Amino acid sequence: MLIIFLLSPISSSLLKFYEGTKRLYSSNENLIVINNNGLWFMENTNYGFNIIRADTISDNNFSKLKNVIIYNLDQDFNF
């Protein structure tokens, strides 16, 4: 349990560093990742970020996503 309390702030700080560095060198503001956990899509908005997660893609052109969850974060990565 102690490990969770120690790693959570560290991982949050690393995420902030990564996002800041990515913004400096990337012309694309969106990030898409497909892995065993599903589809993850991040987009910048005027007020922060949206992280969209879907378990599966049921169509090859990404028109149908299943079990979609949308996380809204502010500029400081708070929900």
PDB file of N, CA and C in Angstrom:
ATOM      1  N   MET A   1       0.822  -1.184   0.000  1.00  0.00           N
ATOM      2  CA  MET A   1       0.000   0.000   0.000  1.00  0.00           C
ATOM      3  C   MET A   1       0.869   1.252   0.000  1.00  0.00           C
ATOM      4  N   LEU A   2       1.967   1.208   0.721  1.00  0.00           N
ATOM      5  CA  LEU A   2       2.869   2.349   0.784  1.00  0.00           C
ATOM      6  C   LEU A   2       3.468   2.653  -0.586  1.00  0.00           C
ATOM      7  N   ILE A   3       3.701   1.616  -1.356  1.00  0.00           N
ATOM      8  CA  ILE A   3       4.270   1.799  -2.690  1.00  0.00           C
ATOM      9  C   ILE A   3       3.321   2.615  -3.565  1.00  0.00           C
ATOM     10  N   ILE A   4       2.024   2.370  -3.452  1.00  0.00           N
ATOM     11  CA  ILE A   4       1.043   3.119  -4.238  1.00  0.00           C
ATOM     12  C   ILE A   4       1.101   4.599  -3.888  1.00  0.00           C
ATOM     13  N   PHE A   5       1.188   4.914  -2.603  1.00  0.00           N
ATOM     14  CA  PHE A   5       1.238   6.308  -2.181  1.00  0.00           C
ATOM     15  C   PHE A   5       2.524   6.993  -2.629  1.00  0.00           C
ATOM     16  N   LEU A   6       3.591   6.244  -2.765  1.00  0.00           N
ATOM     17  CA  LEU A   6       4.849   6.820  -3.217  1.00  0.00           C
ATOM     18  C   LEU A   6       4.901   6.971  -4.734  1.00  0.00           C
ATOM     19  N   LEU A   7       4.370   5.998  -5.462  1.00  0.00           N
ATOM     20  CA  LEU A   7       4.459   6.026  -6.912  1.00  0.00           C
ATOM     21  C   LEU A   7       3.448   6.954  -7.561  1.00  0.00           C
ATOM     22  N   SER A   8       2.315   7.169  -6.943  1.00  0.00           N
ATOM     23  CA  SER A   8       1.283   8.005  -7.545  1.00  0.00           C
ATOM     24  C   SER A   8       1.758   9.435  -7.797  1.00  0.00           C
ATOM     25  N   PRO A   9       2.335  10.132  -6.824  1.00  0.00           N
ATOM     26  CA  PRO A   9       2.826  11.490  -7.108  1.00  0.00           C
ATOM     27  C   PRO A   9       3.986  11.505  -8.104  1.00  0.00           C
ATOM     28  N   ILE A  10       4.818  10.487  -8.055  1.00  0.00           N
ATOM     29  CA  ILE A  10       5.947  10.415  -8.983  1.00  0.00           C
ATOM     30  C   ILE A  10       5.445  10.228 -10.410  1.00  0.00           C
ATOM     31  N   SER A  11       4.491   9.320 -10.603  1.00  0.00           N
ATOM     32  CA  SER A  11       3.969   9.092 -11.947  1.00  0.00           C
ATOM     33  C   SER A  11       3.215  10.317 -12.457  1.00  0.00           C
ATOM     34  N   SER A  12       2.528  11.022 -11.585  1.00  0.00           N
ATOM     35  CA  SER A  12       1.835  12.247 -11.983  1.00  0.00           C
ATOM     36  C   SER A  12       2.828  13.308 -12.442  1.00  0.00           C
ATOM     37  N   SER A  13       3.907  13.467 -11.715  1.00  0.00           N
ATOM     38  CA  SER A  13       4.938  14.440 -12.097  1.00  0.00           C
ATOM     39  C   SER A  13       5.598  14.060 -13.417  1.00  0.00           C
ATOM     40  N   LEU A  14       5.847  12.775 -13.608  1.00  0.00           N
ATOM     41  CA  LEU A  14       6.441  12.329 -14.866  1.00  0.00           C
ATOM     42  C   LEU A  14       5.495  12.553 -16.038  1.00  0.00           C
ATOM     43  N   LEU A  15       4.195  12.360 -15.821  1.00  0.00           N
ATOM     44  CA  LEU A  15       3.215  12.605 -16.874  1.00  0.00           C
ATOM     45  C   LEU A  15       3.198  14.081 -17.261  1.00  0.00           C
ATOM     46  N   LYS A  16       3.231  14.972 -16.276  1.00  0.00           N
ATOM     47  CA  LYS A  16       3.279  16.410 -16.570  1.00  0.00           C
ATOM     48  C   LYS A  16       4.531  16.760 -17.368  1.00  0.00           C
ATOM     49  N   PHE A  17       5.664  16.198 -16.972  1.00  0.00           N
ATOM     50  CA  PHE A  17       6.917  16.445 -17.687  1.00  0.00           C
ATOM     51  C   PHE A  17       6.835  15.933 -19.120  1.00  0.00           C
ATOM     52  N   TYR A  18       6.301  14.721 -19.295  1.00  0.00           N
ATOM     53  CA  TYR A  18       6.168  14.131 -20.625  1.00  0.00           C
ATOM     54  C   TYR A  18       5.280  14.987 -21.517  1.00  0.00           C
ATOM     55  N   GLU A  19       4.127  15.399 -21.002  1.00  0.00           N
ATOM     56  CA  GLU A  19       3.202  16.192 -21.807  1.00  0.00           C
ATOM     57  C   GLU A  19       3.815  17.535 -22.190  1.00  0.00           C
ATOM     58  N   GLY A  20       4.515  18.166 -21.265  1.00  0.00           N
ATOM     59  CA  GLY A  20       5.174  19.430 -21.579  1.00  0.00           C
ATOM     60  C   GLY A  20       6.242  19.272 -22.642  1.00  0.00           C
ATOM     61  N   THR A  21       7.037  18.227 -22.524  1.00  0.00           N
ATOM     62  CA  THR A  21       8.087  17.960 -23.507  1.00  0.00           C
ATOM     63  C   THR A  21       7.492  17.610 -24.860  1.00  0.00           C
ATOM     64  N   LYS A  22       6.435  16.825 -24.866  1.00  0.00           N
ATOM     65  CA  LYS A  22       5.781  16.441 -26.114  1.00  0.00           C
ATOM     66  C   LYS A  22       5.237  17.669 -26.834  1.00  0.00           C
ATOM     67  N   ARG A  23       4.637  18.587 -26.081  1.00  0.00           N
ATOM     68  CA  ARG A  23       4.095  19.798 -26.688  1.00  0.00           C
ATOM     69  C   ARG A  23       5.190  20.654 -27.334  1.00  0.00           C
ATOM     70  N   LEU A  24       6.385  20.637 -26.769  1.00  0.00           N
ATOM     71  CA  LEU A  24       7.476  21.431 -27.329  1.00  0.00           C
ATOM     72  C   LEU A  24       7.934  20.914 -28.691  1.00  0.00           C
ATOM     73  N   TYR A  25       7.925  19.599 -28.865  1.00  0.00           N
ATOM     74  CA  TYR A  25       8.512  19.001 -30.057  1.00  0.00           C
ATOM     75  C   TYR A  25       7.508  18.425 -31.043  1.00  0.00           C
ATOM     76  N   SER A  26       6.248  18.400 -30.703  1.00  0.00           N
ATOM     77  CA  SER A  26       5.248  17.784 -31.568  1.00  0.00           C
ATOM     78  C   SER A  26       4.326  18.845 -32.152  1.00  0.00           C
ATOM     79  N   SER A  27       4.053  18.730 -33.438  1.00  0.00           N
ATOM     80  CA  SER A  27       3.103  19.653 -34.058  1.00  0.00           C
ATOM     81  C   SER A  27       1.674  19.151 -33.921  1.00  0.00           C
ATOM     82  N   ASN A  28       1.502  17.882 -33.589  1.00  0.00           N
ATOM     83  CA  ASN A  28       0.179  17.293 -33.432  1.00  0.00           C
ATOM     84  C   ASN A  28      -0.211  17.319 -31.967  1.00  0.00           C
ATOM     85  N   GLU A  29      -1.386  17.864 -31.669  1.00  0.00           N
ATOM     86  CA  GLU A  29      -1.842  17.972 -30.286  1.00  0.00           C
ATOM     87  C   GLU A  29      -2.574  16.717 -29.807  1.00  0.00           C
ATOM     88  N   ASN A  30      -2.839  15.782 -30.694  1.00  0.00           N
ATOM     89  CA  ASN A  30      -3.571  14.573 -30.324  1.00  0.00           C
ATOM     90  C   ASN A  30      -2.619  13.392 -30.219  1.00  0.00           C
ATOM     91  N   LEU A  31      -2.968  12.464 -29.358  1.00  0.00           N
ATOM     92  CA  LEU A  31      -2.158  11.277 -29.158  1.00  0.00           C
ATOM     93  C   LEU A  31      -3.088  10.073 -29.168  1.00  0.00           C
ATOM     94  N   ILE A  32      -2.782   9.088 -29.999  1.00  0.00           N
ATOM     95  CA  ILE A  32      -3.588   7.867 -30.083  1.00  0.00           C
ATOM     96  C   ILE A  32      -2.687   6.676 -29.798  1.00  0.00           C
ATOM     97  N   VAL A  33      -3.158   5.796 -28.901  1.00  0.00           N
ATOM     98  CA  VAL A  33      -2.429   4.583 -28.566  1.00  0.00           C
ATOM     99  C   VAL A  33      -3.405   3.419 -28.624  1.00  0.00           C
ATOM    100  N   ILE A  34      -3.001   2.347 -29.287  1.00  0.00           N
ATOM    101  CA  ILE A  34      -3.783   1.115 -29.305  1.00  0.00           C
ATOM    102  C   ILE A  34      -2.902   0.027 -28.709  1.00  0.00           C
ATOM    103  N   ASN A  35      -3.400  -0.604 -27.630  1.00  0.00           N
ATOM    104  CA  ASN A  35      -2.644  -1.675 -26.984  1.00  0.00           C
ATOM    105  C   ASN A  35      -3.618  -2.712 -26.442  1.00  0.00           C
ATOM    106  N   ASN A  36      -3.141  -3.619 -25.601  1.00  0.00           N
ATOM    107  CA  ASN A  36      -3.997  -4.674 -25.050  1.00  0.00           C
ATOM    108  C   ASN A  36      -5.118  -4.125 -24.177  1.00  0.00           C
ATOM    109  N   ASN A  37      -4.959  -2.905 -23.666  1.00  0.00           N
ATOM    110  CA  ASN A  37      -5.981  -2.290 -22.824  1.00  0.00           C
ATOM    111  C   ASN A  37      -7.037  -1.553 -23.629  1.00  0.00           C
ATOM    112  N   GLY A  38      -6.909  -1.515 -24.939  1.00  0.00           N
ATOM    113  CA  GLY A  38      -7.894  -0.854 -25.783  1.00  0.00           C
ATOM    114  C   GLY A  38      -7.310   0.337 -26.516  1.00  0.00           C
ATOM    115  N   LEU A  39      -8.193   1.212 -26.954  1.00  0.00           N
ATOM    116  CA  LEU A  39      -7.825   2.428 -27.669  1.00  0.00           C
ATOM    117  C   LEU A  39      -7.808   3.587 -26.687  1.00  0.00           C
ATOM    118  N   TRP A  40      -6.744   4.354 -26.700  1.00  0.00           N
ATOM    119  CA  TRP A  40      -6.609   5.548 -25.861  1.00  0.00           C
ATOM    120  C   TRP A  40      -6.366   6.728 -26.787  1.00  0.00           C
ATOM    121  N   PHE A  41      -7.152   7.780 -26.621  1.00  0.00           N
ATOM    122  CA  PHE A  41      -7.027   8.965 -27.455  1.00  0.00           C
ATOM    123  C   PHE A  41      -7.020  10.184 -26.552  1.00  0.00           C
ATOM    124  N   MET A  42      -6.035  11.057 -26.721  1.00  0.00           N
ATOM    125  CA  MET A  42      -5.973  12.272 -25.918  1.00  0.00           C
ATOM    126  C   MET A  42      -6.051  13.478 -26.830  1.00  0.00           C
ATOM    127  N   GLU A  43      -6.872  14.446 -26.442  1.00  0.00           N
ATOM    128  CA  GLU A  43      -6.970  15.676 -27.210  1.00  0.00           C
ATOM    129  C   GLU A  43      -6.891  16.875 -26.280  1.00  0.00           C
ATOM    130  N   ASN A  44      -6.260  17.926 -26.756  1.00  0.00           N
ATOM    131  CA  ASN A  44      -6.207  19.174 -26.008  1.00  0.00           C
ATOM    132  C   ASN A  44      -7.484  19.956 -26.267  1.00  0.00           C
ATOM    133  N   THR A  45      -7.978  20.615 -25.235  1.00  0.00           N
ATOM    134  CA  THR A  45      -9.129  21.493 -25.355  1.00  0.00           C
ATOM    135  C   THR A  45      -8.746  22.860 -24.804  1.00  0.00           C
ATOM    136  N   ASN A  46      -9.657  23.811 -24.882  1.00  0.00           N
ATOM    137  CA  ASN A  46      -9.381  25.154 -24.359  1.00  0.00           C
ATOM    138  C   ASN A  46      -9.224  25.162 -22.846  1.00  0.00           C
ATOM    139  N   TYR A  47      -9.843  24.215 -22.163  1.00  0.00           N
ATOM    140  CA  TYR A  47      -9.836  24.205 -20.699  1.00  0.00           C
ATOM    141  C   TYR A  47      -8.947  23.114 -20.116  1.00  0.00           C
ATOM    142  N   GLY A  48      -8.378  22.248 -20.942  1.00  0.00           N
ATOM    143  CA  GLY A  48      -7.541  21.169 -20.430  1.00  0.00           C
ATOM    144  C   GLY A  48      -7.386  20.063 -21.454  1.00  0.00           C
ATOM    145  N   PHE A  49      -7.714  18.848 -21.038  1.00  0.00           N
ATOM    146  CA  PHE A  49      -7.514  17.672 -21.876  1.00  0.00           C
ATOM    147  C   PHE A  49      -8.705  16.728 -21.751  1.00  0.00           C
ATOM    148  N   ASN A  50      -8.974  15.989 -22.801  1.00  0.00           N
ATOM    149  CA  ASN A  50      -9.903  14.867 -22.768  1.00  0.00           C
ATOM    150  C   ASN A  50      -9.105  13.612 -23.072  1.00  0.00           C
ATOM    151  N   ILE A  51      -9.289  12.602 -22.249  1.00  0.00           N
ATOM    152  CA  ILE A  51      -8.714  11.292 -22.528  1.00  0.00           C
ATOM    153  C   ILE A  51      -9.886  10.356 -22.767  1.00  0.00           C
ATOM    154  N   ILE A  52      -9.918   9.765 -23.940  1.00  0.00           N
ATOM    155  CA  ILE A  52     -11.014   8.891 -24.342  1.00  0.00           C
ATOM    156  C   ILE A  52     -10.461   7.483 -24.443  1.00  0.00           C
ATOM    157  N   ARG A  53     -11.153   6.551 -23.787  1.00  0.00           N
ATOM    158  CA  ARG A  53     -10.721   5.159 -23.780  1.00  0.00           C
ATOM    159  C   ARG A  53     -11.869   4.280 -24.252  1.00  0.00           C
ATOM    160  N   ALA A  54     -11.566   3.321 -25.111  1.00  0.00           N
ATOM    161  CA  ALA A  54     -12.558   2.356 -25.574  1.00  0.00           C
ATOM    162  C   ALA A  54     -11.958   0.962 -25.466  1.00  0.00           C
ATOM    163  N   ASP A  55     -12.768   0.006 -25.002  1.00  0.00           N
ATOM    164  CA  ASP A  55     -12.282  -1.370 -24.865  1.00  0.00           C
ATOM    165  C   ASP A  55     -11.984  -2.010 -26.212  1.00  0.00           C
ATOM    166  N   THR A  56     -12.916  -1.860 -27.146  1.00  0.00           N
ATOM    167  CA  THR A  56     -12.753  -2.509 -28.446  1.00  0.00           C
ATOM    168  C   THR A  56     -13.222  -1.592 -29.567  1.00  0.00           C
ATOM    169  N   ILE A  57     -12.725  -1.884 -30.752  1.00  0.00           N
ATOM    170  CA  ILE A  57     -13.143  -1.201 -31.973  1.00  0.00           C
ATOM    171  C   ILE A  57     -13.857  -2.250 -32.808  1.00  0.00           C
ATOM    172  N   SER A  58     -15.124  -2.007 -33.125  1.00  0.00           N
ATOM    173  CA  SER A  58     -15.881  -3.039 -33.827  1.00  0.00           C
ATOM    174  C   SER A  58     -15.970  -2.797 -35.330  1.00  0.00           C
ATOM    175  N   ASP A  59     -15.348  -1.746 -35.819  1.00  0.00           N
ATOM    176  CA  ASP A  59     -15.351  -1.468 -37.249  1.00  0.00           C
ATOM    177  C   ASP A  59     -13.953  -0.983 -37.638  1.00  0.00           C
ATOM    178  N   ASN A  60     -13.504  -1.343 -38.819  1.00  0.00           N
ATOM    179  CA  ASN A  60     -12.138  -1.005 -39.229  1.00  0.00           C
ATOM    180  C   ASN A  60     -11.895   0.490 -39.388  1.00  0.00           C
ATOM    181  N   ASN A  61     -12.936   1.272 -39.604  1.00  0.00           N
ATOM    182  CA  ASN A  61     -12.737   2.711 -39.777  1.00  0.00           C
ATOM    183  C   ASN A  61     -13.004   3.495 -38.485  1.00  0.00           C
ATOM    184  N   PHE A  62     -12.968   2.823 -37.345  1.00  0.00           N
ATOM    185  CA  PHE A  62     -13.102   3.437 -36.017  1.00  0.00           C
ATOM    186  C   PHE A  62     -14.459   4.107 -35.806  1.00  0.00           C
ATOM    187  N   SER A  63     -15.473   3.706 -36.555  1.00  0.00           N
ATOM    188  CA  SER A  63     -16.780   4.357 -36.410  1.00  0.00           C
ATOM    189  C   SER A  63     -17.595   3.788 -35.255  1.00  0.00           C
ATOM    190  N   LYS A  64     -17.226   2.614 -34.747  1.00  0.00           N
ATOM    191  CA  LYS A  64     -17.969   2.010 -33.640  1.00  0.00           C
ATOM    192  C   LYS A  64     -17.002   1.585 -32.542  1.00  0.00           C
ATOM    193  N   LEU A  65     -17.099   2.258 -31.414  1.00  0.00           N
ATOM    194  CA  LEU A  65     -16.277   1.937 -30.255  1.00  0.00           C
ATOM    195  C   LEU A  65     -17.171   1.364 -29.172  1.00  0.00           C
ATOM    196  N   LYS A  66     -16.658   0.413 -28.400  1.00  0.00           N
ATOM    197  CA  LYS A  66     -17.444  -0.206 -27.330  1.00  0.00           C
ATOM    198  C   LYS A  66     -16.835   0.110 -25.976  1.00  0.00           C
ATOM    199  N   ASN A  67     -17.714   0.280 -24.982  1.00  0.00           N
ATOM    200  CA  ASN A  67     -17.319   0.580 -23.597  1.00  0.00           C
ATOM    201  C   ASN A  67     -16.412   1.808 -23.533  1.00  0.00           C
ATOM    202  N   VAL A  68     -16.935   2.927 -23.982  1.00  0.00           N
ATOM    203  CA  VAL A  68     -16.176   4.176 -24.043  1.00  0.00           C
ATOM    204  C   VAL A  68     -16.241   4.899 -22.699  1.00  0.00           C
ATOM    205  N   ILE A  69     -15.091   5.392 -22.245  1.00  0.00           N
ATOM    206  CA  ILE A  69     -14.988   6.215 -21.035  1.00  0.00           C
ATOM    207  C   ILE A  69     -14.260   7.492 -21.431  1.00  0.00           C
ATOM    208  N   ILE A  70     -14.796   8.648 -21.003  1.00  0.00           N
ATOM    209  CA  ILE A  70     -14.171   9.936 -21.293  1.00  0.00           C
ATOM    210  C   ILE A  70     -13.748  10.572 -19.980  1.00  0.00           C
ATOM    211  N   TYR A  71     -12.468  10.888 -19.876  1.00  0.00           N
ATOM    212  CA  TYR A  71     -11.921  11.570 -18.703  1.00  0.00           C
ATOM    213  C   TYR A  71     -11.658  13.023 -19.087  1.00  0.00           C
ATOM    214  N   ASN A  72     -12.163  13.964 -18.281  1.00  0.00           N
ATOM    215  CA  ASN A  72     -11.909  15.389 -18.500  1.00  0.00           C
ATOM    216  C   ASN A  72     -10.914  15.864 -17.460  1.00  0.00           C
ATOM    217  N   LEU A  73      -9.818  16.449 -17.910  1.00  0.00           N
ATOM    218  CA  LEU A  73      -8.786  16.952 -17.006  1.00  0.00           C
ATOM    219  C   LEU A  73      -8.554  18.430 -17.284  1.00  0.00           C
ATOM    220  N   ASP A  74      -8.207  19.177 -16.230  1.00  0.00           N
ATOM    221  CA  ASP A  74      -7.867  20.582 -16.424  1.00  0.00           C
ATOM    222  C   ASP A  74      -6.396  20.712 -16.803  1.00  0.00           C
ATOM    223  N   GLN A  75      -5.901  21.936 -16.898  1.00  0.00           N
ATOM    224  CA  GLN A  75      -4.515  22.172 -17.312  1.00  0.00           C
ATOM    225  C   GLN A  75      -3.492  21.558 -16.361  1.00  0.00           C
ATOM    226  N   ASP A  76      -3.897  21.341 -15.096  1.00  0.00           N
ATOM    227  CA  ASP A  76      -3.003  20.743 -14.098  1.00  0.00           C
ATOM    228  C   ASP A  76      -3.226  19.246 -13.943  1.00  0.00           C
ATOM    229  N   PHE A  77      -3.951  18.636 -14.893  1.00  0.00           N
ATOM    230  CA  PHE A  77      -4.247  17.204 -14.911  1.00  0.00           C
ATOM    231  C   PHE A  77      -5.111  16.769 -13.731  1.00  0.00           C
ATOM    232  N   ASN A  78      -5.983  17.640 -13.244  1.00  0.00           N
ATOM    233  CA  ASN A  78      -6.949  17.283 -12.204  1.00  0.00           C
ATOM    234  C   ASN A  78      -8.270  16.936 -12.868  1.00  0.00           C
ATOM    235  N   PHE A  79      -8.964  15.928 -12.330  1.00  0.00           N
ATOM    236  CA  PHE A  79     -10.267  15.532 -12.866  1.00  0.00           C
ATOM    237  C   PHE A  79     -11.305  16.580 -12.570  1.00  0.00           C
TER     238      PHE A  79
END
